[in-house]
N, C-alpha and C. Protein backbone atom coordinates (compact mmCIF):
# COMPACT_ATOMS: atom_id res chain seq x y z
N MET A 1 3.88 -47.32 -11.85
CA MET A 1 2.79 -47.55 -10.91
C MET A 1 2.55 -46.27 -10.11
N LEU A 2 1.31 -45.87 -10.06
CA LEU A 2 0.94 -44.62 -9.41
C LEU A 2 1.32 -44.59 -7.93
N HIS A 3 1.17 -45.70 -7.24
CA HIS A 3 1.50 -45.74 -5.81
C HIS A 3 2.96 -45.36 -5.55
N ILE A 4 3.85 -45.82 -6.42
CA ILE A 4 5.28 -45.53 -6.24
C ILE A 4 5.54 -44.06 -6.55
N GLU A 5 4.88 -43.52 -7.56
CA GLU A 5 5.04 -42.09 -7.88
C GLU A 5 4.55 -41.22 -6.73
N VAL A 6 3.45 -41.61 -6.11
CA VAL A 6 2.94 -40.87 -4.94
C VAL A 6 3.95 -40.94 -3.80
N LEU A 7 4.51 -42.12 -3.58
CA LEU A 7 5.50 -42.30 -2.52
C LEU A 7 6.75 -41.45 -2.79
N LYS A 8 7.22 -41.46 -4.03
CA LYS A 8 8.41 -40.67 -4.38
C LYS A 8 8.12 -39.17 -4.22
N SER A 9 6.94 -38.75 -4.63
CA SER A 9 6.57 -37.34 -4.50
C SER A 9 6.54 -36.93 -3.03
N ARG A 10 6.00 -37.82 -2.19
CA ARG A 10 5.95 -37.52 -0.76
C ARG A 10 7.35 -37.51 -0.15
N CYS A 11 8.23 -38.37 -0.61
CA CYS A 11 9.63 -38.35 -0.15
C CYS A 11 10.25 -36.99 -0.48
N ALA A 12 10.00 -36.50 -1.69
CA ALA A 12 10.56 -35.21 -2.10
C ALA A 12 9.99 -34.06 -1.27
N SER A 13 8.68 -34.03 -1.09
CA SER A 13 8.08 -32.91 -0.33
C SER A 13 8.47 -32.97 1.14
N THR A 14 8.56 -34.16 1.70
CA THR A 14 8.98 -34.28 3.09
C THR A 14 10.46 -33.92 3.22
N GLY A 15 11.25 -34.26 2.22
CA GLY A 15 12.66 -33.87 2.21
C GLY A 15 12.82 -32.35 2.22
N LEU A 16 11.99 -31.65 1.46
CA LEU A 16 12.05 -30.18 1.45
C LEU A 16 11.59 -29.60 2.79
N TRP A 17 10.59 -30.23 3.39
CA TRP A 17 10.13 -29.80 4.72
C TRP A 17 11.25 -30.01 5.75
N ARG A 18 11.93 -31.15 5.66
CA ARG A 18 13.05 -31.41 6.58
C ARG A 18 14.19 -30.42 6.35
N ALA A 19 14.38 -29.96 5.12
CA ALA A 19 15.41 -28.96 4.83
C ALA A 19 15.13 -27.66 5.59
N GLU A 20 13.86 -27.27 5.62
CA GLU A 20 13.48 -26.06 6.37
C GLU A 20 13.70 -26.27 7.87
N LEU A 21 13.36 -27.45 8.36
CA LEU A 21 13.57 -27.74 9.79
C LEU A 21 15.06 -27.79 10.12
N ALA A 22 15.88 -28.25 9.19
CA ALA A 22 17.33 -28.31 9.42
C ALA A 22 17.90 -26.91 9.59
N LYS A 23 17.34 -25.94 8.90
CA LYS A 23 17.77 -24.55 9.05
C LYS A 23 17.36 -23.99 10.40
N ARG A 24 16.18 -24.38 10.85
CA ARG A 24 15.66 -23.87 12.12
C ARG A 24 16.30 -24.55 13.33
N TYR A 25 16.56 -25.84 13.22
CA TYR A 25 17.11 -26.61 14.34
C TYR A 25 18.51 -27.11 13.97
N VAL A 26 19.44 -26.20 13.90
CA VAL A 26 20.79 -26.53 13.44
C VAL A 26 21.54 -27.48 14.38
N ASP A 27 21.15 -27.54 15.64
CA ASP A 27 21.82 -28.41 16.59
C ASP A 27 21.35 -29.87 16.52
N ASP A 28 20.30 -30.13 15.75
CA ASP A 28 19.78 -31.48 15.61
C ASP A 28 20.09 -31.98 14.20
N PRO A 29 21.08 -32.85 14.05
CA PRO A 29 21.49 -33.29 12.71
C PRO A 29 20.48 -34.21 12.02
N ARG A 30 19.49 -34.71 12.74
CA ARG A 30 18.56 -35.66 12.14
C ARG A 30 17.76 -35.06 10.98
N ASN A 31 17.43 -33.77 11.07
CA ASN A 31 16.68 -33.16 9.97
C ASN A 31 17.49 -33.11 8.69
N ALA A 32 18.77 -32.78 8.79
CA ALA A 32 19.63 -32.75 7.60
C ALA A 32 19.83 -34.16 7.06
N ILE A 33 19.98 -35.13 7.94
CA ILE A 33 20.14 -36.52 7.52
C ILE A 33 18.86 -36.98 6.80
N ALA A 34 17.71 -36.68 7.41
CA ALA A 34 16.43 -37.05 6.81
C ALA A 34 16.25 -36.37 5.46
N ARG A 35 16.58 -35.09 5.38
CA ARG A 35 16.48 -34.34 4.11
C ARG A 35 17.26 -35.04 3.01
N ASP A 36 18.53 -35.31 3.29
CA ASP A 36 19.40 -35.93 2.28
C ASP A 36 18.88 -37.31 1.87
N LEU A 37 18.48 -38.09 2.84
CA LEU A 37 18.00 -39.44 2.55
C LEU A 37 16.70 -39.41 1.76
N LEU A 38 15.76 -38.56 2.18
CA LEU A 38 14.48 -38.48 1.48
C LEU A 38 14.62 -37.99 0.05
N LEU A 39 15.47 -36.98 -0.16
CA LEU A 39 15.67 -36.47 -1.52
C LEU A 39 16.37 -37.51 -2.40
N THR A 40 17.26 -38.29 -1.80
CA THR A 40 17.91 -39.38 -2.54
C THR A 40 16.88 -40.45 -2.91
N LEU A 41 16.05 -40.82 -1.95
CA LEU A 41 15.01 -41.83 -2.21
C LEU A 41 14.02 -41.37 -3.27
N ALA A 42 13.67 -40.09 -3.25
CA ALA A 42 12.73 -39.55 -4.24
C ALA A 42 13.27 -39.66 -5.66
N ALA A 43 14.58 -39.65 -5.79
CA ALA A 43 15.21 -39.72 -7.11
C ALA A 43 15.43 -41.15 -7.60
N ARG A 44 15.18 -42.12 -6.75
CA ARG A 44 15.40 -43.53 -7.12
C ARG A 44 14.36 -43.96 -8.16
N PRO A 45 14.72 -44.90 -9.01
CA PRO A 45 13.76 -45.39 -10.01
C PRO A 45 12.71 -46.29 -9.37
N GLU A 46 11.59 -46.44 -10.05
CA GLU A 46 10.52 -47.31 -9.57
C GLU A 46 11.02 -48.74 -9.37
N SER A 47 12.01 -49.13 -10.16
CA SER A 47 12.55 -50.48 -10.06
C SER A 47 13.24 -50.75 -8.73
N ASP A 48 13.44 -49.72 -7.92
CA ASP A 48 14.02 -49.87 -6.58
C ASP A 48 13.04 -50.57 -5.64
N VAL A 49 11.78 -50.62 -6.03
CA VAL A 49 10.75 -51.27 -5.21
C VAL A 49 10.46 -52.64 -5.81
N SER A 50 10.51 -53.66 -4.98
CA SER A 50 10.32 -55.03 -5.46
C SER A 50 8.90 -55.25 -5.97
N TYR A 51 8.77 -56.24 -6.83
CA TYR A 51 7.46 -56.62 -7.38
C TYR A 51 6.50 -56.97 -6.24
N GLU A 52 6.98 -57.74 -5.28
CA GLU A 52 6.13 -58.14 -4.14
C GLU A 52 5.60 -56.93 -3.38
N THR A 53 6.48 -55.97 -3.10
CA THR A 53 6.06 -54.78 -2.37
C THR A 53 5.07 -53.96 -3.19
N LYS A 54 5.31 -53.85 -4.49
CA LYS A 54 4.36 -53.14 -5.36
C LYS A 54 2.99 -53.80 -5.32
N GLN A 55 2.97 -55.11 -5.36
CA GLN A 55 1.70 -55.85 -5.31
C GLN A 55 0.97 -55.57 -3.99
N ARG A 56 1.71 -55.60 -2.91
CA ARG A 56 1.09 -55.35 -1.60
C ARG A 56 0.58 -53.92 -1.50
N LEU A 57 1.34 -52.95 -2.03
CA LEU A 57 0.91 -51.55 -2.01
C LEU A 57 -0.35 -51.33 -2.82
N SER A 58 -0.49 -52.06 -3.91
CA SER A 58 -1.62 -51.84 -4.83
C SER A 58 -2.97 -52.12 -4.17
N ALA A 59 -2.97 -52.81 -3.05
CA ALA A 59 -4.22 -53.12 -2.35
C ALA A 59 -4.75 -51.93 -1.55
N PHE A 60 -3.96 -50.88 -1.43
CA PHE A 60 -4.32 -49.77 -0.56
C PHE A 60 -4.64 -48.51 -1.36
N SER A 61 -5.53 -47.68 -0.77
CA SER A 61 -5.85 -46.38 -1.35
C SER A 61 -6.59 -45.55 -0.31
N GLY A 62 -6.90 -44.33 -0.67
CA GLY A 62 -7.71 -43.49 0.19
C GLY A 62 -6.93 -42.74 1.25
N PRO A 63 -7.67 -42.10 2.16
CA PRO A 63 -7.04 -41.28 3.20
C PRO A 63 -6.11 -42.05 4.13
N ALA A 64 -6.44 -43.28 4.44
CA ALA A 64 -5.57 -44.07 5.33
C ALA A 64 -4.23 -44.36 4.65
N PHE A 65 -4.28 -44.60 3.35
CA PHE A 65 -3.05 -44.84 2.59
C PHE A 65 -2.20 -43.57 2.55
N ALA A 66 -2.83 -42.44 2.31
CA ALA A 66 -2.11 -41.16 2.29
C ALA A 66 -1.47 -40.88 3.66
N GLU A 67 -2.18 -41.19 4.71
CA GLU A 67 -1.65 -40.99 6.07
C GLU A 67 -0.49 -41.93 6.34
N ALA A 68 -0.56 -43.16 5.88
CA ALA A 68 0.55 -44.11 6.07
C ALA A 68 1.80 -43.62 5.34
N ILE A 69 1.63 -43.09 4.14
CA ILE A 69 2.78 -42.54 3.40
C ILE A 69 3.35 -41.34 4.14
N ARG A 70 2.48 -40.49 4.66
CA ARG A 70 2.94 -39.31 5.40
C ARG A 70 3.76 -39.73 6.61
N LEU A 71 3.25 -40.69 7.36
CA LEU A 71 3.97 -41.15 8.56
C LEU A 71 5.28 -41.84 8.21
N ALA A 72 5.27 -42.67 7.18
CA ALA A 72 6.48 -43.40 6.78
C ALA A 72 7.59 -42.44 6.36
N THR A 73 7.24 -41.37 5.66
CA THR A 73 8.26 -40.42 5.22
C THR A 73 8.67 -39.48 6.36
N LYS A 74 7.73 -39.11 7.18
CA LYS A 74 8.04 -38.22 8.31
C LYS A 74 9.00 -38.88 9.30
N ASP A 75 8.90 -40.18 9.45
CA ASP A 75 9.70 -40.91 10.44
C ASP A 75 11.12 -41.23 9.99
N VAL A 76 11.45 -40.95 8.72
CA VAL A 76 12.78 -41.26 8.19
C VAL A 76 13.84 -40.51 9.01
N ALA A 77 14.84 -41.24 9.46
CA ALA A 77 15.98 -40.76 10.26
C ALA A 77 15.60 -40.43 11.70
N PHE A 78 14.33 -40.58 12.04
CA PHE A 78 13.91 -40.35 13.41
C PHE A 78 13.49 -41.66 14.07
N ARG A 79 12.69 -42.46 13.39
CA ARG A 79 12.25 -43.75 13.94
C ARG A 79 12.86 -44.94 13.20
N TYR A 80 13.29 -44.70 11.97
CA TYR A 80 13.94 -45.76 11.21
C TYR A 80 14.78 -45.13 10.10
N THR A 81 15.72 -45.90 9.57
CA THR A 81 16.59 -45.42 8.51
C THR A 81 16.47 -46.38 7.32
N PRO A 82 15.68 -46.00 6.32
CA PRO A 82 15.56 -46.87 5.15
C PRO A 82 16.81 -46.81 4.29
N HIS A 83 17.12 -47.93 3.67
CA HIS A 83 18.27 -48.00 2.78
C HIS A 83 17.86 -48.01 1.31
N SER A 84 16.55 -48.08 1.08
CA SER A 84 16.04 -48.09 -0.29
C SER A 84 14.61 -47.58 -0.29
N LEU A 85 14.12 -47.28 -1.47
CA LEU A 85 12.72 -46.89 -1.62
C LEU A 85 11.81 -48.05 -1.23
N ASP A 86 12.29 -49.27 -1.46
CA ASP A 86 11.53 -50.45 -1.06
C ASP A 86 11.33 -50.49 0.45
N ASP A 87 12.33 -50.08 1.21
CA ASP A 87 12.20 -50.03 2.68
C ASP A 87 11.07 -49.09 3.10
N VAL A 88 10.98 -47.95 2.45
CA VAL A 88 9.91 -46.99 2.78
C VAL A 88 8.56 -47.57 2.37
N ALA A 89 8.49 -48.18 1.20
CA ALA A 89 7.24 -48.77 0.73
C ALA A 89 6.79 -49.90 1.67
N ARG A 90 7.73 -50.71 2.14
CA ARG A 90 7.38 -51.78 3.08
C ARG A 90 6.91 -51.20 4.41
N ARG A 91 7.45 -50.05 4.80
CA ARG A 91 6.98 -49.38 6.02
C ARG A 91 5.52 -48.95 5.85
N VAL A 92 5.19 -48.43 4.67
CA VAL A 92 3.81 -48.05 4.39
C VAL A 92 2.90 -49.26 4.49
N VAL A 93 3.31 -50.37 3.90
CA VAL A 93 2.52 -51.60 3.96
C VAL A 93 2.32 -52.02 5.41
N LYS A 94 3.38 -51.97 6.18
CA LYS A 94 3.29 -52.36 7.60
C LYS A 94 2.31 -51.47 8.35
N LEU A 95 2.32 -50.18 8.06
CA LEU A 95 1.40 -49.25 8.71
C LEU A 95 -0.06 -49.50 8.29
N MET A 96 -0.24 -49.99 7.08
CA MET A 96 -1.59 -50.22 6.56
C MET A 96 -2.19 -51.54 7.01
N GLU A 97 -1.35 -52.54 7.23
CA GLU A 97 -1.85 -53.85 7.59
C GLU A 97 -2.24 -53.87 9.06
N PRO A 98 -3.36 -54.52 9.38
CA PRO A 98 -3.76 -54.58 10.78
C PRO A 98 -2.77 -55.39 11.60
N ALA A 99 -2.58 -54.97 12.82
CA ALA A 99 -1.69 -55.70 13.72
C ALA A 99 -2.34 -57.03 14.06
N PRO A 100 -1.54 -58.09 14.16
CA PRO A 100 -2.13 -59.38 14.51
C PRO A 100 -2.68 -59.35 15.94
N ALA A 101 -3.75 -60.06 16.14
CA ALA A 101 -4.34 -60.14 17.48
C ALA A 101 -3.39 -60.93 18.37
N PRO A 102 -3.27 -60.51 19.64
CA PRO A 102 -2.39 -61.26 20.54
C PRO A 102 -2.94 -62.67 20.76
N ARG A 103 -2.04 -63.60 20.85
CA ARG A 103 -2.44 -64.99 21.13
C ARG A 103 -2.69 -65.13 22.62
N ILE A 104 -3.72 -65.83 22.94
CA ILE A 104 -4.10 -65.99 24.35
C ILE A 104 -3.05 -66.78 25.12
N ASP A 105 -2.25 -67.61 24.44
CA ASP A 105 -1.23 -68.39 25.13
C ASP A 105 0.10 -67.64 25.24
N ASP A 106 0.15 -66.42 24.77
CA ASP A 106 1.35 -65.60 24.89
C ASP A 106 1.52 -65.20 26.35
N PRO A 107 2.64 -65.53 26.98
CA PRO A 107 2.81 -65.24 28.41
C PRO A 107 2.67 -63.76 28.75
N ARG A 108 2.92 -62.89 27.79
CA ARG A 108 2.78 -61.45 28.06
C ARG A 108 1.33 -61.08 28.32
N PHE A 109 0.40 -61.92 27.86
CA PHE A 109 -1.01 -61.61 28.01
C PHE A 109 -1.71 -62.54 28.99
N ALA A 110 -0.94 -63.33 29.71
CA ALA A 110 -1.52 -64.29 30.65
C ALA A 110 -2.34 -63.59 31.72
N ALA A 111 -1.86 -62.48 32.25
CA ALA A 111 -2.59 -61.75 33.29
C ALA A 111 -3.90 -61.22 32.75
N VAL A 112 -3.91 -60.75 31.53
CA VAL A 112 -5.14 -60.24 30.91
C VAL A 112 -6.12 -61.39 30.73
N ALA A 113 -5.62 -62.52 30.26
CA ALA A 113 -6.48 -63.69 30.06
C ALA A 113 -7.06 -64.16 31.39
N LEU A 114 -6.22 -64.18 32.41
CA LEU A 114 -6.68 -64.60 33.72
C LEU A 114 -7.75 -63.66 34.24
N ALA A 115 -7.55 -62.38 34.10
CA ALA A 115 -8.52 -61.40 34.55
C ALA A 115 -9.83 -61.50 33.79
N ALA A 116 -9.74 -61.90 32.53
CA ALA A 116 -10.95 -62.05 31.71
C ALA A 116 -11.63 -63.39 31.93
N GLY A 117 -11.02 -64.24 32.73
CA GLY A 117 -11.62 -65.53 33.02
C GLY A 117 -11.40 -66.57 31.94
N VAL A 118 -10.40 -66.34 31.08
CA VAL A 118 -10.11 -67.30 30.02
C VAL A 118 -9.15 -68.35 30.56
N ARG A 119 -9.51 -69.61 30.38
CA ARG A 119 -8.66 -70.69 30.83
C ARG A 119 -7.65 -71.04 29.76
N GLN A 120 -6.46 -71.31 30.19
CA GLN A 120 -5.41 -71.66 29.22
C GLN A 120 -5.18 -73.14 29.17
């Protein structure tokens, strides 16, 4: 599947970018950790990604999809630590899917609802 090959390619290129940053910022171990993890993930087989995740990924394309892949790989070892290529692919899906609208009965939004004149 092309989406997985694109993801693996981006893992590899981001891993090489992190390798350069690891040389520049030797006091920050996260770049070396990210490099190793990304290069390992890039070498994983396509079968490392579940059928369900592949199906969900197949719905996406274009610049927004490319940006989601860039962000998902850039954040490895900094915002999250994936344990498989499927974890990275699911992160891409999460970035692509719209966030659910807040429920008006959610207590965190009660003040906003009150200010907007919405009765609960």
